Amino acid sequence: MKGSVERLAVLLAASGLSERDITDALRASKNLDEKEFIERVVFLRQFLFSGLDVNDVSSSGQRIAAGNKDQIRAVERATQLLQTEARLNPTRAADLLCKSLAEDNFDLENIPKFRTKNGLRNWLIKLPLQPSELLHHATKIRNRLVHARSAPWPLRERGT
């Protein structure tokens, strides 16, 4: 047990957290169920190896709870819809997503500012949307763009 506590203390020391942050985290951890805490650690470990920014995930608070794989899948699918299928650059994708949310009277003050250097995936994770809402808007944008494009070689109509 003592070895585990020592390893945890080493990790906390290397984390760069202030003493106050560590104290607050210890107090908050007393209210957590052990299983819930372990699930959270496993979830964050998956993010570490997925290339996403764990600080962004942690800052989004309760919305991305332990084990919420639906959110990860929704972000990945939305990214695919917007960038791959609709051929949008990240900035344009974020702009169109904000416009789509505004059309549905979503309060845009709750939307974090998109920063190119952080990437589209990290921005999508921060959005205060349910996975189904995110996919709905991404699909709507994708469909609008894909179906609006004319064929590169339009066929002539057969004459009479």
N, C-alpha and C. Protein backbone atom coordinates (compact mmCIF):
# COMPACT_ATOMS: atom_id res chain seq x y z
N MET A 1 0.83 -1.20 0.00
CA MET A 1 0.00 0.00 0.00
C MET A 1 0.87 1.25 0.00
N LYS A 2 1.90 1.25 0.87
CA LYS A 2 2.73 2.44 0.96
C LYS A 2 3.43 2.73 -0.37
N GLY A 3 3.83 1.69 -1.09
CA GLY A 3 4.47 1.88 -2.39
C GLY A 3 3.53 2.53 -3.39
N SER A 4 2.26 2.14 -3.33
CA SER A 4 1.27 2.72 -4.24
C SER A 4 1.05 4.20 -3.94
N VAL A 5 0.99 4.53 -2.68
CA VAL A 5 0.80 5.92 -2.27
C VAL A 5 2.01 6.75 -2.70
N GLU A 6 3.20 6.17 -2.56
CA GLU A 6 4.42 6.87 -2.94
C GLU A 6 4.44 7.13 -4.46
N ARG A 7 4.03 6.12 -5.24
CA ARG A 7 3.99 6.30 -6.70
C ARG A 7 2.97 7.37 -7.08
N LEU A 8 1.84 7.38 -6.40
CA LEU A 8 0.83 8.41 -6.66
C LEU A 8 1.38 9.79 -6.33
N ALA A 9 2.12 9.89 -5.21
CA ALA A 9 2.72 11.16 -4.81
C ALA A 9 3.74 11.63 -5.86
N VAL A 10 4.50 10.71 -6.43
CA VAL A 10 5.47 11.05 -7.47
C VAL A 10 4.74 11.57 -8.71
N LEU A 11 3.65 10.91 -9.09
CA LEU A 11 2.87 11.37 -10.24
C LEU A 11 2.30 12.77 -10.00
N LEU A 12 1.80 13.00 -8.80
CA LEU A 12 1.26 14.32 -8.47
C LEU A 12 2.36 15.38 -8.47
N ALA A 13 3.53 15.02 -7.96
CA ALA A 13 4.65 15.96 -7.95
C ALA A 13 5.06 16.34 -9.38
N ALA A 14 5.04 15.37 -10.27
CA ALA A 14 5.43 15.62 -11.66
C ALA A 14 4.33 16.32 -12.46
N SER A 15 3.11 16.33 -11.95
CA SER A 15 1.98 16.88 -12.69
C SER A 15 2.01 18.39 -12.82
N GLY A 16 2.71 19.06 -11.91
CA GLY A 16 2.75 20.51 -11.94
C GLY A 16 1.56 21.16 -11.26
N LEU A 17 0.70 20.38 -10.63
CA LEU A 17 -0.45 20.93 -9.91
C LEU A 17 0.02 21.68 -8.67
N SER A 18 -0.70 22.71 -8.31
CA SER A 18 -0.37 23.45 -7.09
C SER A 18 -0.82 22.63 -5.88
N GLU A 19 -0.31 23.01 -4.70
CA GLU A 19 -0.72 22.32 -3.48
C GLU A 19 -2.22 22.43 -3.26
N ARG A 20 -2.76 23.59 -3.59
CA ARG A 20 -4.21 23.78 -3.44
C ARG A 20 -4.99 22.85 -4.37
N ASP A 21 -4.53 22.73 -5.63
CA ASP A 21 -5.20 21.83 -6.58
C ASP A 21 -5.15 20.38 -6.09
N ILE A 22 -4.02 19.97 -5.55
CA ILE A 22 -3.89 18.60 -5.04
C ILE A 22 -4.82 18.39 -3.86
N THR A 23 -4.87 19.37 -2.95
CA THR A 23 -5.77 19.29 -1.79
C THR A 23 -7.23 19.21 -2.24
N ASP A 24 -7.60 20.07 -3.18
CA ASP A 24 -8.97 20.05 -3.70
C ASP A 24 -9.31 18.70 -4.34
N ALA A 25 -8.35 18.14 -5.08
CA ALA A 25 -8.58 16.85 -5.74
C ALA A 25 -8.74 15.73 -4.71
N LEU A 26 -7.94 15.78 -3.65
CA LEU A 26 -8.07 14.76 -2.60
C LEU A 26 -9.42 14.85 -1.91
N ARG A 27 -9.88 16.07 -1.64
CA ARG A 27 -11.20 16.23 -1.03
C ARG A 27 -12.30 15.71 -1.95
N ALA A 28 -12.20 16.05 -3.22
CA ALA A 28 -13.21 15.62 -4.19
C ALA A 28 -13.19 14.10 -4.37
N SER A 29 -12.00 13.51 -4.29
CA SER A 29 -11.90 12.07 -4.50
C SER A 29 -12.55 11.28 -3.36
N LYS A 30 -12.68 11.88 -2.19
CA LYS A 30 -13.33 11.20 -1.07
C LYS A 30 -14.80 10.95 -1.35
N ASN A 31 -15.39 11.78 -2.21
CA ASN A 31 -16.81 11.63 -2.54
C ASN A 31 -17.04 10.67 -3.71
N LEU A 32 -15.97 10.21 -4.34
CA LEU A 32 -16.11 9.33 -5.49
C LEU A 32 -16.17 7.87 -5.07
N ASP A 33 -16.95 7.13 -5.81
CA ASP A 33 -16.99 5.69 -5.67
C ASP A 33 -15.70 5.14 -6.27
N GLU A 34 -15.10 4.10 -5.68
CA GLU A 34 -13.84 3.55 -6.19
C GLU A 34 -13.97 3.12 -7.64
N LYS A 35 -15.05 2.43 -7.96
CA LYS A 35 -15.26 1.95 -9.33
C LYS A 35 -15.35 3.12 -10.30
N GLU A 36 -16.07 4.17 -9.91
CA GLU A 36 -16.21 5.36 -10.75
C GLU A 36 -14.85 6.01 -10.99
N PHE A 37 -14.04 6.09 -9.94
CA PHE A 37 -12.72 6.70 -10.07
C PHE A 37 -11.82 5.89 -11.00
N ILE A 38 -11.84 4.57 -10.86
CA ILE A 38 -11.02 3.71 -11.71
C ILE A 38 -11.48 3.81 -13.16
N GLU A 39 -12.78 3.84 -13.38
CA GLU A 39 -13.30 4.00 -14.74
C GLU A 39 -12.83 5.31 -15.35
N ARG A 40 -12.80 6.35 -14.53
CA ARG A 40 -12.34 7.67 -15.01
C ARG A 40 -10.87 7.60 -15.40
N VAL A 41 -10.06 6.94 -14.59
CA VAL A 41 -8.63 6.81 -14.89
C VAL A 41 -8.43 6.03 -16.19
N VAL A 42 -9.16 4.93 -16.35
CA VAL A 42 -9.05 4.12 -17.56
C VAL A 42 -9.46 4.94 -18.78
N PHE A 43 -10.54 5.70 -18.64
CA PHE A 43 -11.02 6.55 -19.73
C PHE A 43 -9.96 7.58 -20.13
N LEU A 44 -9.38 8.24 -19.15
CA LEU A 44 -8.36 9.24 -19.45
C LEU A 44 -7.10 8.60 -20.03
N ARG A 45 -6.78 7.41 -19.59
CA ARG A 45 -5.63 6.68 -20.15
C ARG A 45 -5.86 6.44 -21.64
N GLN A 46 -7.09 6.09 -22.02
CA GLN A 46 -7.41 5.89 -23.43
C GLN A 46 -7.20 7.18 -24.22
N PHE A 47 -7.55 8.30 -23.63
CA PHE A 47 -7.35 9.58 -24.30
C PHE A 47 -5.86 9.88 -24.48
N LEU A 48 -5.06 9.53 -23.48
CA LEU A 48 -3.62 9.77 -23.59
C LEU A 48 -3.05 9.08 -24.82
N PHE A 49 -3.52 7.88 -25.09
CA PHE A 49 -2.99 7.11 -26.20
C PHE A 49 -3.73 7.35 -27.50
N SER A 50 -4.79 8.18 -27.46
CA SER A 50 -5.55 8.46 -28.68
C SER A 50 -5.04 9.71 -29.39
N GLY A 51 -4.17 10.47 -28.74
CA GLY A 51 -3.64 11.68 -29.34
C GLY A 51 -4.45 12.93 -29.01
N LEU A 52 -5.54 12.78 -28.27
CA LEU A 52 -6.33 13.95 -27.88
C LEU A 52 -5.71 14.59 -26.66
N ASP A 53 -5.99 15.84 -26.43
CA ASP A 53 -5.42 16.60 -25.32
C ASP A 53 -6.22 16.33 -24.05
N VAL A 54 -5.58 15.65 -23.08
CA VAL A 54 -6.24 15.29 -21.83
C VAL A 54 -6.66 16.51 -21.03
N ASN A 55 -5.91 17.61 -21.13
CA ASN A 55 -6.31 18.82 -20.41
C ASN A 55 -7.65 19.33 -20.90
N ASP A 56 -7.89 19.23 -22.19
CA ASP A 56 -9.18 19.64 -22.73
C ASP A 56 -10.29 18.73 -22.25
N VAL A 57 -10.00 17.44 -22.17
CA VAL A 57 -11.01 16.48 -21.70
C VAL A 57 -11.33 16.76 -20.24
N SER A 58 -10.30 16.98 -19.42
CA SER A 58 -10.53 17.21 -17.99
C SER A 58 -11.27 18.51 -17.76
N SER A 59 -10.99 19.54 -18.57
CA SER A 59 -11.61 20.83 -18.35
C SER A 59 -13.08 20.83 -18.71
N SER A 60 -13.52 19.82 -19.46
CA SER A 60 -14.92 19.78 -19.85
C SER A 60 -15.80 19.21 -18.74
N GLY A 61 -15.20 18.82 -17.63
CA GLY A 61 -15.94 18.46 -16.43
C GLY A 61 -16.85 17.27 -16.54
N GLN A 62 -18.06 17.41 -16.03
CA GLN A 62 -18.99 16.31 -15.92
C GLN A 62 -19.49 15.78 -17.25
N ARG A 63 -19.46 16.62 -18.29
CA ARG A 63 -20.04 16.22 -19.56
C ARG A 63 -19.39 14.96 -20.10
N ILE A 64 -18.08 14.84 -19.99
CA ILE A 64 -17.42 13.62 -20.42
C ILE A 64 -17.11 12.82 -19.17
N ALA A 65 -18.04 12.02 -18.78
CA ALA A 65 -17.92 11.21 -17.58
C ALA A 65 -17.10 9.96 -17.88
N ALA A 66 -16.72 9.27 -16.82
CA ALA A 66 -15.92 8.07 -16.98
C ALA A 66 -16.61 7.07 -17.88
N GLY A 67 -15.85 6.53 -18.82
CA GLY A 67 -16.37 5.48 -19.68
C GLY A 67 -17.34 5.95 -20.75
N ASN A 68 -17.45 7.23 -21.02
CA ASN A 68 -18.41 7.71 -22.00
C ASN A 68 -17.83 7.55 -23.41
N LYS A 69 -17.92 6.34 -23.91
CA LYS A 69 -17.36 6.04 -25.22
C LYS A 69 -18.24 6.59 -26.33
N ASP A 70 -19.52 6.83 -26.06
CA ASP A 70 -20.40 7.41 -27.06
C ASP A 70 -19.90 8.78 -27.50
N GLN A 71 -19.39 9.57 -26.56
CA GLN A 71 -18.88 10.90 -26.89
C GLN A 71 -17.65 10.79 -27.79
N ILE A 72 -16.78 9.85 -27.49
CA ILE A 72 -15.57 9.67 -28.31
C ILE A 72 -15.97 9.28 -29.73
N ARG A 73 -16.88 8.32 -29.83
CA ARG A 73 -17.34 7.87 -31.15
C ARG A 73 -18.01 9.01 -31.92
N ALA A 74 -18.81 9.80 -31.22
CA ALA A 74 -19.51 10.91 -31.88
C ALA A 74 -18.52 11.94 -32.40
N VAL A 75 -17.51 12.26 -31.62
CA VAL A 75 -16.48 13.22 -32.04
C VAL A 75 -15.73 12.69 -33.26
N GLU A 76 -15.36 11.43 -33.22
CA GLU A 76 -14.64 10.84 -34.35
C GLU A 76 -15.50 10.83 -35.61
N ARG A 77 -16.77 10.45 -35.46
CA ARG A 77 -17.68 10.40 -36.62
C ARG A 77 -17.96 11.81 -37.15
N ALA A 78 -18.17 12.76 -36.25
CA ALA A 78 -18.42 14.15 -36.68
C ALA A 78 -17.21 14.70 -37.43
N THR A 79 -16.03 14.38 -36.96
CA THR A 79 -14.81 14.81 -37.64
C THR A 79 -14.74 14.21 -39.04
N GLN A 80 -15.08 12.94 -39.15
CA GLN A 80 -15.08 12.28 -40.45
C GLN A 80 -16.12 12.92 -41.38
N LEU A 81 -17.32 13.16 -40.86
CA LEU A 81 -18.37 13.77 -41.67
C LEU A 81 -17.96 15.14 -42.20
N LEU A 82 -17.40 15.95 -41.31
CA LEU A 82 -17.09 17.33 -41.67
C LEU A 82 -15.82 17.47 -42.51
N GLN A 83 -14.78 16.78 -42.12
CA GLN A 83 -13.51 16.97 -42.81
C GLN A 83 -13.33 16.04 -44.01
N THR A 84 -13.64 14.78 -43.84
CA THR A 84 -13.40 13.83 -44.91
C THR A 84 -14.51 13.86 -45.95
N GLU A 85 -15.75 13.70 -45.49
CA GLU A 85 -16.86 13.58 -46.44
C GLU A 85 -17.30 14.93 -47.01
N ALA A 86 -17.37 15.95 -46.16
CA ALA A 86 -17.78 17.27 -46.65
C ALA A 86 -16.59 18.10 -47.15
N ARG A 87 -15.38 17.60 -46.92
CA ARG A 87 -14.14 18.24 -47.39
C ARG A 87 -13.97 19.66 -46.85
N LEU A 88 -14.25 19.82 -45.57
CA LEU A 88 -14.11 21.13 -44.94
C LEU A 88 -12.80 21.20 -44.18
N ASN A 89 -12.19 22.38 -44.18
CA ASN A 89 -11.04 22.55 -43.29
C ASN A 89 -11.59 22.75 -41.88
N PRO A 90 -10.78 22.56 -40.85
CA PRO A 90 -11.29 22.64 -39.47
C PRO A 90 -11.97 23.97 -39.13
N THR A 91 -11.41 25.06 -39.58
CA THR A 91 -12.00 26.37 -39.27
C THR A 91 -13.38 26.51 -39.89
N ARG A 92 -13.51 26.11 -41.13
CA ARG A 92 -14.81 26.20 -41.82
C ARG A 92 -15.81 25.24 -41.18
N ALA A 93 -15.35 24.05 -40.79
CA ALA A 93 -16.24 23.08 -40.14
C ALA A 93 -16.79 23.65 -38.83
N ALA A 94 -15.92 24.26 -38.04
CA ALA A 94 -16.36 24.85 -36.77
C ALA A 94 -17.33 25.99 -37.01
N ASP A 95 -17.04 26.80 -38.02
CA ASP A 95 -17.92 27.93 -38.34
C ASP A 95 -19.31 27.44 -38.76
N LEU A 96 -19.37 26.45 -39.64
CA LEU A 96 -20.66 25.93 -40.09
C LEU A 96 -21.41 25.22 -38.97
N LEU A 97 -20.68 24.58 -38.08
CA LEU A 97 -21.34 23.92 -36.94
C LEU A 97 -21.97 24.96 -36.02
N CYS A 98 -21.27 26.06 -35.79
CA CYS A 98 -21.84 27.15 -34.97
C CYS A 98 -23.09 27.73 -35.64
N LYS A 99 -23.04 27.91 -36.96
CA LYS A 99 -24.20 28.44 -37.67
C LYS A 99 -25.38 27.47 -37.60
N SER A 100 -25.09 26.18 -37.69
CA SER A 100 -26.15 25.18 -37.60
C SER A 100 -26.78 25.19 -36.20
N LEU A 101 -25.96 25.34 -35.19
CA LEU A 101 -26.47 25.42 -33.82
C LEU A 101 -27.32 26.67 -33.63
N ALA A 102 -26.87 27.77 -34.21
CA ALA A 102 -27.63 29.02 -34.10
C ALA A 102 -28.99 28.90 -34.77
N GLU A 103 -29.06 28.16 -35.88
CA GLU A 103 -30.35 27.95 -36.56
C GLU A 103 -31.35 27.23 -35.65
N ASP A 104 -30.84 26.42 -34.73
CA ASP A 104 -31.70 25.70 -33.78
C ASP A 104 -31.82 26.45 -32.46
N ASN A 105 -31.51 27.75 -32.48
CA ASN A 105 -31.61 28.62 -31.30
C ASN A 105 -30.75 28.16 -30.13
N PHE A 106 -29.59 27.60 -30.43
CA PHE A 106 -28.66 27.20 -29.38
C PHE A 106 -27.90 28.44 -28.92
N ASP A 107 -27.71 28.58 -27.61
CA ASP A 107 -27.01 29.73 -27.06
C ASP A 107 -25.52 29.62 -27.37
N LEU A 108 -25.04 30.43 -28.30
CA LEU A 108 -23.65 30.35 -28.75
C LEU A 108 -22.65 30.85 -27.72
N GLU A 109 -23.13 31.48 -26.66
CA GLU A 109 -22.22 31.93 -25.60
C GLU A 109 -21.61 30.74 -24.88
N ASN A 110 -22.27 29.59 -24.93
CA ASN A 110 -21.77 28.37 -24.28
C ASN A 110 -20.76 27.62 -25.14
N ILE A 111 -20.56 28.09 -26.35
CA ILE A 111 -19.64 27.43 -27.27
C ILE A 111 -18.24 28.02 -27.11
N PRO A 112 -17.24 27.18 -26.84
CA PRO A 112 -15.87 27.70 -26.72
C PRO A 112 -15.37 28.19 -28.09
N LYS A 113 -14.45 29.12 -28.05
CA LYS A 113 -13.88 29.66 -29.29
C LYS A 113 -13.02 28.58 -29.95
N PHE A 114 -13.16 28.43 -31.25
CA PHE A 114 -12.35 27.46 -31.99
C PHE A 114 -10.95 28.03 -32.18
N ARG A 115 -9.95 27.20 -31.88
CA ARG A 115 -8.55 27.57 -32.09
C ARG A 115 -7.92 26.51 -32.99
N THR A 116 -7.42 26.95 -34.11
CA THR A 116 -6.86 26.04 -35.10
C THR A 116 -5.77 25.15 -34.51
N LYS A 117 -4.92 25.72 -33.68
CA LYS A 117 -3.79 24.94 -33.16
C LYS A 117 -4.25 23.80 -32.25
N ASN A 118 -5.43 23.92 -31.65
CA ASN A 118 -5.94 22.85 -30.79
C ASN A 118 -6.64 21.76 -31.59
N GLY A 119 -7.06 22.09 -32.78
CA GLY A 119 -7.68 21.09 -33.66
C GLY A 119 -9.18 20.97 -33.48
N LEU A 120 -9.79 20.40 -34.50
CA LEU A 120 -11.24 20.25 -34.51
C LEU A 120 -11.72 19.24 -33.46
N ARG A 121 -11.03 18.12 -33.34
CA ARG A 121 -11.46 17.09 -32.37
C ARG A 121 -11.52 17.64 -30.95
N ASN A 122 -10.48 18.33 -30.55
CA ASN A 122 -10.45 18.88 -29.19
C ASN A 122 -11.57 19.90 -28.99
N TRP A 123 -11.86 20.68 -30.01
CA TRP A 123 -12.95 21.65 -29.92
C TRP A 123 -14.30 20.94 -29.82
N LEU A 124 -14.49 19.90 -30.62
CA LEU A 124 -15.74 19.14 -30.57
C LEU A 124 -15.97 18.51 -29.20
N ILE A 125 -14.90 18.06 -28.58
CA ILE A 125 -15.01 17.45 -27.24
C ILE A 125 -15.53 18.47 -26.24
N LYS A 126 -15.13 19.73 -26.39
CA LYS A 126 -15.52 20.77 -25.44
C LYS A 126 -16.96 21.24 -25.61
N LEU A 127 -17.56 20.95 -26.75
CA LEU A 127 -18.92 21.44 -27.00
C LEU A 127 -19.92 20.85 -26.02
N PRO A 128 -20.79 21.68 -25.49
CA PRO A 128 -21.80 21.19 -24.53
C PRO A 128 -22.99 20.56 -25.25
N LEU A 129 -22.70 19.51 -26.01
CA LEU A 129 -23.73 18.82 -26.79
C LEU A 129 -23.74 17.34 -26.45
N GLN A 130 -24.91 16.75 -26.55
CA GLN A 130 -25.02 15.30 -26.45
C GLN A 130 -24.45 14.70 -27.73
N PRO A 131 -23.95 13.46 -27.69
CA PRO A 131 -23.43 12.84 -28.92
C PRO A 131 -24.42 12.88 -30.08
N SER A 132 -25.70 12.63 -29.78
CA SER A 132 -26.70 12.62 -30.85
C SER A 132 -26.89 14.01 -31.46
N GLU A 133 -26.81 15.06 -30.64
CA GLU A 133 -26.93 16.43 -31.16
C GLU A 133 -25.75 16.78 -32.06
N LEU A 134 -24.56 16.40 -31.61
CA LEU A 134 -23.36 16.67 -32.40
C LEU A 134 -23.45 15.97 -33.75
N LEU A 135 -23.83 14.70 -33.75
CA LEU A 135 -23.94 13.95 -34.99
C LEU A 135 -25.05 14.50 -35.89
N HIS A 136 -26.14 14.93 -35.28
CA HIS A 136 -27.24 15.51 -36.07
C HIS A 136 -26.75 16.72 -36.85
N HIS A 137 -26.08 17.64 -36.18
CA HIS A 137 -25.62 18.86 -36.83
C HIS A 137 -24.51 18.58 -37.85
N ALA A 138 -23.59 17.68 -37.51
CA ALA A 138 -22.51 17.35 -38.45
C ALA A 138 -23.08 16.67 -39.70
N THR A 139 -24.06 15.80 -39.51
CA THR A 139 -24.68 15.12 -40.64
C THR A 139 -25.46 16.10 -41.51
N LYS A 140 -26.16 17.03 -40.87
CA LYS A 140 -26.92 18.04 -41.60
C LYS A 140 -25.99 18.87 -42.48
N ILE A 141 -24.86 19.28 -41.95
CA ILE A 141 -23.88 20.07 -42.70
C ILE A 141 -23.31 19.24 -43.86
N ARG A 142 -22.93 18.02 -43.54
CA ARG A 142 -22.36 17.14 -44.56
C ARG A 142 -23.36 16.93 -45.70
N ASN A 143 -24.59 16.61 -45.37
CA ASN A 143 -25.60 16.35 -46.40
C ASN A 143 -25.86 17.58 -47.25
N ARG A 144 -25.94 18.72 -46.61
CA ARG A 144 -26.18 19.97 -47.34
C ARG A 144 -25.07 20.22 -48.36
N LEU A 145 -23.84 20.00 -47.95
CA LEU A 145 -22.70 20.27 -48.85
C LEU A 145 -22.53 19.21 -49.92
N VAL A 146 -22.66 17.96 -49.53
CA VAL A 146 -22.45 16.88 -50.50
C VAL A 146 -23.53 16.88 -51.57
N HIS A 147 -24.77 17.10 -51.17
CA HIS A 147 -25.86 17.07 -52.13
C HIS A 147 -25.97 18.38 -52.93
N ALA A 148 -25.35 19.42 -52.48
CA ALA A 148 -25.40 20.70 -53.19
C ALA A 148 -24.37 20.74 -54.32
N ARG A 149 -23.34 19.93 -54.20
CA ARG A 149 -22.30 19.94 -55.24
C ARG A 149 -22.84 19.31 -56.52
N SER A 150 -22.51 19.94 -57.60
CA SER A 150 -22.92 19.37 -58.88
C SER A 150 -21.90 18.31 -59.28
N ALA A 151 -22.30 17.42 -60.12
CA ALA A 151 -21.42 16.37 -60.60
C ALA A 151 -20.29 17.00 -61.42
N PRO A 152 -19.08 16.48 -61.32
CA PRO A 152 -17.96 17.06 -62.07
C PRO A 152 -18.15 16.94 -63.58
N TRP A 153 -18.85 15.90 -64.03
CA TRP A 153 -19.13 15.72 -65.45
C TRP A 153 -20.64 15.52 -65.61
N PRO A 154 -21.37 16.62 -65.63
CA PRO A 154 -22.82 16.47 -65.73
C PRO A 154 -23.22 15.77 -67.04
N LEU A 155 -24.19 14.91 -66.96
CA LEU A 155 -24.66 14.20 -68.13
C LEU A 155 -25.64 15.07 -68.88
N ARG A 156 -25.57 14.97 -70.18
CA ARG A 156 -26.54 15.70 -70.99
C ARG A 156 -27.86 14.96 -70.97
N GLU A 157 -28.90 15.71 -70.98
CA GLU A 157 -30.20 15.06 -71.07
C GLU A 157 -30.39 14.60 -72.49
N ARG A 158 -30.98 13.46 -72.60
CA ARG A 158 -31.21 12.92 -73.93
C ARG A 158 -32.29 13.72 -74.63
N GLY A 159 -31.99 14.15 -75.80
CA GLY A 159 -32.92 15.00 -76.57
C GLY A 159 -34.04 14.19 -77.20
N THR A 160 -35.00 14.90 -77.65
CA THR A 160 -36.12 14.26 -78.33
C THR A 160 -35.92 14.17 -79.81
